[in-house]
């Protein structure tokens, strides 16, 4: 039976999931759109962000609201070294880049095992308050996750829409030859896109650590969800990633509430199969012309 309490819980959980899915999917689709690389190591950058926040809070006593953006930025900085060592030779080479990121994913997982151990860890709860409005109970930590994600997503959209760097990234993503003719340094914007994408992943990992447990193997589920979102919204489409993340988060929350997590996973992949059959380019993706 659907009550106001259950409906509120579904919406709140859905918004939390949607926020994390969108953060992950935006980075995933940004790397593909600009660099033409499917980054299967994206989930491991989220894992790294979660553990950096955990260590910052536990051992350096950094307040979570400060530690969260710091850990995300540190993930972005560290990712530039990996981009230089691993990915730079594979710009615009989709299949080779895919294999390279699979190898990078495996390497980061087992480096995580070495440095962080295999036990699941949790970031200490910073806010334990629960707001009660009649039958509606809203935990403060979940509201904070939604607010932080909303600020980050707003900043990202404003950056992509209204800044010179964001415009250059969009031009490179649409037509690299034209961008280079216009004097745009495509390689510099590849690095900028990779930094922005992995920073978003690190932020998503920190938010995941606020709600769930951390482990070196935690990256698999977020990257699968990100892949589902970008296929649903359209690979390479930033608005599509936002719409797909919102739809998937709400659907996962509703199905999990009534039928369990297994049914939600089944439904997610079922929807993707349906979308691929009916609209292969995704909800907001563009069809690519075949020469």
Protein backbone atom coordinates (compact mmCIF):
# COMPACT_ATOMS: atom_id res chain seq x y z
CA UNK A 1 0.00 0.00 0.00
CA UNK A 2 1.35 3.40 -0.99
CA UNK A 3 1.36 5.88 1.88
CA UNK A 4 2.84 9.36 2.21
CA UNK A 5 5.68 7.93 4.27
CA UNK A 6 6.55 5.26 1.69
CA UNK A 7 6.20 7.71 -1.21
CA UNK A 8 8.51 10.20 0.50
CA UNK A 9 11.06 7.48 1.17
CA UNK A 10 10.94 6.35 -2.47
CA UNK A 11 11.44 9.90 -3.73
CA UNK A 12 14.22 10.66 -1.22
CA UNK A 13 16.10 7.44 -1.97
CA UNK A 14 15.51 7.99 -5.67
CA UNK A 15 16.98 11.49 -5.53
CA UNK A 16 20.03 10.19 -3.65
CA UNK A 17 20.59 7.44 -6.20
CA UNK A 18 19.90 9.82 -9.10
CA UNK A 19 22.44 12.34 -7.81
CA UNK A 20 25.19 9.72 -7.61
CA UNK A 21 24.24 8.12 -10.94
CA UNK A 22 24.27 11.50 -12.69
CA UNK A 23 27.65 12.49 -11.25
CA UNK A 24 29.11 9.20 -12.42
CA UNK A 25 27.40 9.27 -15.80
CA UNK A 26 28.38 12.88 -16.59
CA UNK A 27 32.06 12.04 -16.17
CA UNK A 28 31.69 8.81 -18.10
CA UNK A 29 29.94 10.47 -21.05
CA UNK A 30 32.28 13.50 -20.98
CA UNK A 31 35.34 11.28 -21.45
CA UNK A 32 33.67 9.39 -24.26
CA UNK A 33 32.31 12.51 -25.93
CA UNK A 34 35.62 14.40 -25.91
CA UNK A 35 38.30 11.66 -25.95
CA UNK A 36 36.30 8.84 -27.56
CA UNK A 37 37.36 6.44 -24.81
CA UNK A 38 34.97 4.23 -22.84
CA UNK A 39 36.51 4.54 -19.38
CA UNK A 40 35.91 1.27 -17.54
CA UNK A 41 38.17 2.51 -14.72
CA UNK A 42 35.66 5.26 -13.89
CA UNK A 43 34.28 3.32 -10.91
CA UNK A 44 37.75 2.96 -9.43
CA UNK A 45 38.18 6.74 -9.41
CA UNK A 46 34.94 6.84 -7.38
CA UNK A 47 36.41 4.22 -5.04
CA UNK A 48 39.54 6.34 -4.63
CA UNK A 49 37.44 9.41 -3.80
CA UNK A 50 35.57 7.50 -1.12
CA UNK A 51 38.74 6.24 0.57
CA UNK A 52 40.48 9.62 0.40
CA UNK A 53 37.48 11.16 2.17
CA UNK A 54 37.49 8.36 4.76
CA UNK A 55 41.17 8.88 5.59
CA UNK A 56 40.76 12.65 5.63
CA UNK A 57 37.89 12.45 8.11
CA UNK A 58 39.34 9.67 10.31
CA UNK A 59 43.02 10.52 10.48
CA UNK A 60 43.25 14.23 9.68
CA UNK A 61 39.91 15.22 11.25
CA UNK A 62 38.88 17.24 8.22
CA UNK A 63 35.18 18.19 8.34
CA UNK A 64 33.29 16.14 5.72
CA UNK A 65 31.90 19.21 3.95
CA UNK A 66 35.50 20.37 3.38
CA UNK A 67 36.99 16.93 2.87
CA UNK A 68 34.50 15.97 0.17
CA UNK A 69 35.55 18.58 -2.44
CA UNK A 70 39.20 18.24 -1.42
CA UNK A 71 39.18 14.47 -1.95
CA UNK A 72 37.38 14.88 -5.29
CA UNK A 73 39.95 17.43 -6.50
CA UNK A 74 42.79 15.19 -5.34
CA UNK A 75 41.31 12.35 -7.39
CA UNK A 76 41.28 14.68 -10.41
CA UNK A 77 44.92 15.63 -9.88
CA UNK A 78 46.06 12.02 -9.42
CA UNK A 79 44.09 10.99 -12.51
CA UNK A 80 46.21 13.30 -14.68
CA UNK A 81 49.27 11.15 -13.96
CA UNK A 82 47.38 8.03 -15.03
CA UNK A 83 46.06 9.83 -18.10
CA UNK A 84 49.64 10.70 -19.06
CA UNK A 85 51.00 7.20 -18.43
CA UNK A 86 48.15 5.04 -19.73
CA UNK A 87 45.54 6.84 -21.83
CA UNK A 88 47.35 9.51 -23.82
CA UNK A 89 48.40 7.13 -26.65
CA UNK A 90 44.77 6.05 -27.12
CA UNK A 91 42.96 9.33 -27.82
CA UNK A 92 40.21 8.79 -30.43
CA UNK A 93 41.00 5.04 -30.53
CA UNK A 94 37.92 3.47 -28.98
CA UNK A 95 38.82 -0.21 -28.91
CA UNK A 96 42.43 0.22 -27.80
CA UNK A 97 41.33 2.75 -25.18
CA UNK A 98 38.69 0.35 -23.89
CA UNK A 99 41.31 -2.36 -23.34
CA UNK A 100 43.64 0.16 -21.67
CA UNK A 101 40.95 1.29 -19.22
CA UNK A 102 40.05 -2.32 -18.38
CA UNK A 103 43.70 -2.88 -17.47
CA UNK A 104 43.77 0.38 -15.50
CA UNK A 105 40.64 -0.71 -13.64
CA UNK A 106 42.20 -4.01 -12.58
CA UNK A 107 45.42 -2.29 -11.54
CA UNK A 108 43.57 0.27 -9.39
CA UNK A 109 41.44 -2.41 -7.73
CA UNK A 110 44.42 -4.41 -6.53
CA UNK A 111 46.39 -1.32 -5.57
CA UNK A 112 43.33 -0.53 -3.46
CA UNK A 113 43.53 -3.99 -1.89
CA UNK A 114 47.21 -3.41 -1.06
CA UNK A 115 46.74 0.06 0.44
CA UNK A 116 43.23 -0.12 1.90
CA UNK A 117 42.72 -3.83 2.62
CA UNK A 118 39.79 -6.00 1.62
CA UNK A 119 37.49 -5.25 4.56
CA UNK A 120 34.53 -2.99 4.02
CA UNK A 121 34.84 0.41 5.68
CA UNK A 122 32.36 3.15 6.48
CA UNK A 123 32.79 6.90 6.69
CA UNK A 124 31.67 8.01 10.18
CA UNK A 125 28.25 9.62 10.11
CA UNK A 126 28.53 13.39 10.37
CA UNK A 127 24.86 14.22 10.73
CA UNK A 128 22.51 11.93 12.63
CA UNK A 129 19.50 14.25 12.82
CA UNK A 130 16.19 13.10 11.40
CA UNK A 131 13.56 15.64 10.38
CA UNK A 132 10.03 14.46 11.15
CA UNK A 133 6.99 15.93 9.42
CA UNK A 134 4.00 13.87 10.50
CA UNK A 135 4.47 10.40 8.94
CA UNK A 136 7.44 11.64 6.90
CA UNK A 137 10.97 11.01 8.24
CA UNK A 138 13.91 12.58 6.39
CA UNK A 139 17.50 11.80 7.51
CA UNK A 140 19.75 14.87 7.41
CA UNK A 141 22.65 13.01 5.76
CA UNK A 142 20.53 12.17 2.73
CA UNK A 143 19.38 15.76 2.34
CA UNK A 144 23.01 16.89 2.47
CA UNK A 145 23.97 14.40 -0.25
CA UNK A 146 21.22 15.77 -2.50
CA UNK A 147 22.23 19.40 -1.84
CA UNK A 148 25.95 18.78 -2.48
CA UNK A 149 25.21 16.89 -5.69
CA UNK A 150 22.82 19.63 -6.85
CA UNK A 151 25.49 22.31 -6.32
CA UNK A 152 28.11 20.23 -8.16
CA UNK A 153 25.79 19.47 -11.08
CA UNK A 154 24.72 23.12 -11.38
CA UNK A 155 28.36 24.20 -11.41
CA UNK A 156 29.19 21.62 -14.06
CA UNK A 157 26.35 22.70 -16.36
CA UNK A 158 27.23 26.38 -15.95
CA UNK A 159 30.88 25.58 -16.71
CA UNK A 160 30.03 23.62 -19.86
CA UNK A 161 27.48 26.15 -21.05
CA UNK A 162 28.98 29.54 -20.30
CA UNK A 163 32.77 29.25 -20.09
CA UNK A 164 35.31 29.32 -22.90
CA UNK A 165 36.81 26.00 -21.73
CA UNK A 166 33.38 24.34 -21.68
CA UNK A 167 32.60 25.62 -25.18
CA UNK A 168 35.98 24.36 -26.44
CA UNK A 169 35.28 20.90 -24.99
CA UNK A 170 31.94 20.78 -26.76
CA UNK A 171 33.53 21.82 -30.05
CA UNK A 172 36.24 19.15 -29.69
CA UNK A 173 33.58 16.55 -28.90
CA UNK A 174 31.51 17.46 -31.98
CA UNK A 175 34.26 17.92 -34.58
CA UNK A 176 37.92 17.64 -33.63
CA UNK A 177 39.19 18.62 -37.12
CA UNK A 178 37.22 21.87 -37.09
CA UNK A 179 38.38 22.56 -33.54
CA UNK A 180 42.03 22.17 -34.52
CA UNK A 181 41.55 24.39 -37.59
CA UNK A 182 40.16 27.07 -35.27
CA UNK A 183 43.33 26.86 -33.17
CA UNK A 184 41.92 24.87 -30.25
CA UNK A 185 44.53 22.70 -28.53
CA UNK A 186 42.56 19.45 -28.49
CA UNK A 187 45.06 17.58 -26.31
CA UNK A 188 44.90 20.25 -23.61
CA UNK A 189 41.12 19.95 -23.52
CA UNK A 190 41.36 16.16 -23.42
CA UNK A 191 43.30 16.54 -20.18
CA UNK A 192 40.83 19.13 -18.87
CA UNK A 193 37.89 16.83 -19.67
CA UNK A 194 39.57 13.88 -17.99
CA UNK A 195 40.30 15.98 -14.90
CA UNK A 196 36.69 17.20 -14.71
CA UNK A 197 35.28 13.71 -15.26
CA UNK A 198 37.42 12.00 -12.62
CA UNK A 199 36.75 14.82 -10.16
CA UNK A 200 33.03 14.18 -10.58
CA UNK A 201 33.66 10.46 -10.06
CA UNK A 202 35.66 11.19 -6.89
CA UNK A 203 32.80 13.34 -5.60
CA UNK A 204 30.31 10.55 -6.35
CA UNK A 205 32.54 8.09 -4.47
CA UNK A 206 32.63 10.37 -1.43
CA UNK A 207 28.83 10.66 -1.49
CA UNK A 208 28.53 6.88 -1.83
CA UNK A 209 30.77 6.51 1.21
CA UNK A 210 28.36 8.73 3.18
CA UNK A 211 25.50 6.31 2.48
CA UNK A 212 27.05 2.88 1.93
CA UNK A 213 30.24 0.97 2.72
CA UNK A 214 33.59 1.31 0.94
CA UNK A 215 35.80 -1.44 -0.45
CA UNK A 216 38.39 -1.71 -3.25
CA UNK A 217 35.81 -3.64 -5.27
CA UNK A 218 33.01 -1.09 -4.94
CA UNK A 219 33.64 0.54 -8.34
CA UNK A 220 31.93 -2.16 -10.38
CA UNK A 221 28.36 -1.23 -9.48
CA UNK A 222 28.70 2.56 -10.02
CA UNK A 223 30.36 2.13 -13.41
CA UNK A 224 27.67 -0.33 -14.54
CA UNK A 225 24.99 2.14 -13.45
CA UNK A 226 26.84 4.96 -15.24
CA UNK A 227 26.98 2.83 -18.39
CA UNK A 228 23.25 2.14 -18.15
CA UNK A 229 22.53 5.83 -17.68
CA UNK A 230 24.57 6.99 -20.67
CA UNK A 231 23.06 4.31 -22.91
CA UNK A 232 19.60 5.31 -21.69
CA UNK A 233 20.22 9.02 -22.22
CA UNK A 234 22.44 8.73 -25.28
CA UNK A 235 26.19 8.07 -25.32
CA UNK A 236 28.00 11.40 -25.39
CA UNK A 237 24.91 13.46 -24.48
CA UNK A 238 25.30 15.49 -21.27
CA UNK A 239 21.57 16.37 -20.97
CA UNK A 240 20.83 12.71 -21.71
CA UNK A 241 23.03 11.63 -18.79
CA UNK A 242 21.07 13.92 -16.45
CA UNK A 243 17.69 12.66 -17.67
CA UNK A 244 18.80 9.02 -17.71
CA UNK A 245 20.26 9.27 -14.19
CA UNK A 246 17.07 10.77 -12.79
CA UNK A 247 14.88 8.13 -14.44
CA UNK A 248 17.10 5.23 -13.37
CA UNK A 249 17.48 6.47 -9.79
CA UNK A 250 13.74 6.88 -9.30
CA UNK A 251 12.97 3.55 -10.96
CA UNK A 252 15.58 1.72 -8.87
CA UNK A 253 14.20 3.23 -5.67
CA UNK A 254 10.59 2.32 -6.47
CA UNK A 255 11.31 -1.22 -7.66
CA UNK A 256 13.69 -1.92 -4.74
CA UNK A 257 11.09 -0.72 -2.22
CA UNK A 258 8.39 -3.07 -3.47
CA UNK A 259 10.24 -5.99 -5.07
CA UNK A 260 13.84 -5.95 -3.79
CA UNK A 261 17.28 -5.11 -5.18
CA UNK A 262 17.44 -8.12 -7.53
CA UNK A 263 14.25 -7.05 -9.27
CA UNK A 264 15.65 -3.52 -9.62
CA UNK A 265 18.79 -4.85 -11.35
CA UNK A 266 16.66 -6.99 -13.66
CA UNK A 267 14.41 -4.02 -14.49
CA UNK A 268 17.41 -1.76 -15.20
CA UNK A 269 18.85 -4.07 -17.83
CA UNK A 270 15.42 -4.83 -19.22
CA UNK A 271 14.81 -1.13 -19.84
CA UNK A 272 18.20 -0.80 -21.52
CA UNK A 273 17.44 -3.69 -23.88
CA UNK A 274 14.11 -2.08 -24.74
CA UNK A 275 15.71 1.32 -25.38
CA UNK A 276 18.40 -0.23 -27.59
CA UNK A 277 15.74 -1.97 -29.66
CA UNK A 278 13.38 1.02 -30.01
CA UNK A 279 15.82 3.96 -29.93
CA UNK A 280 19.43 2.75 -30.29
CA UNK A 281 20.90 6.26 -29.98
CA UNK A 282 19.26 6.73 -26.55
CA UNK A 283 16.56 9.13 -25.42
CA UNK A 284 18.51 12.31 -26.21
CA UNK A 285 21.36 10.92 -28.29
CA UNK A 286 21.97 11.71 -31.91
CA UNK A 287 22.13 9.14 -34.69
CA UNK A 288 25.55 8.86 -36.27
CA UNK A 289 25.73 8.82 -40.01
CA UNK A 290 27.54 5.92 -41.58
CA UNK A 291 29.72 6.85 -44.53
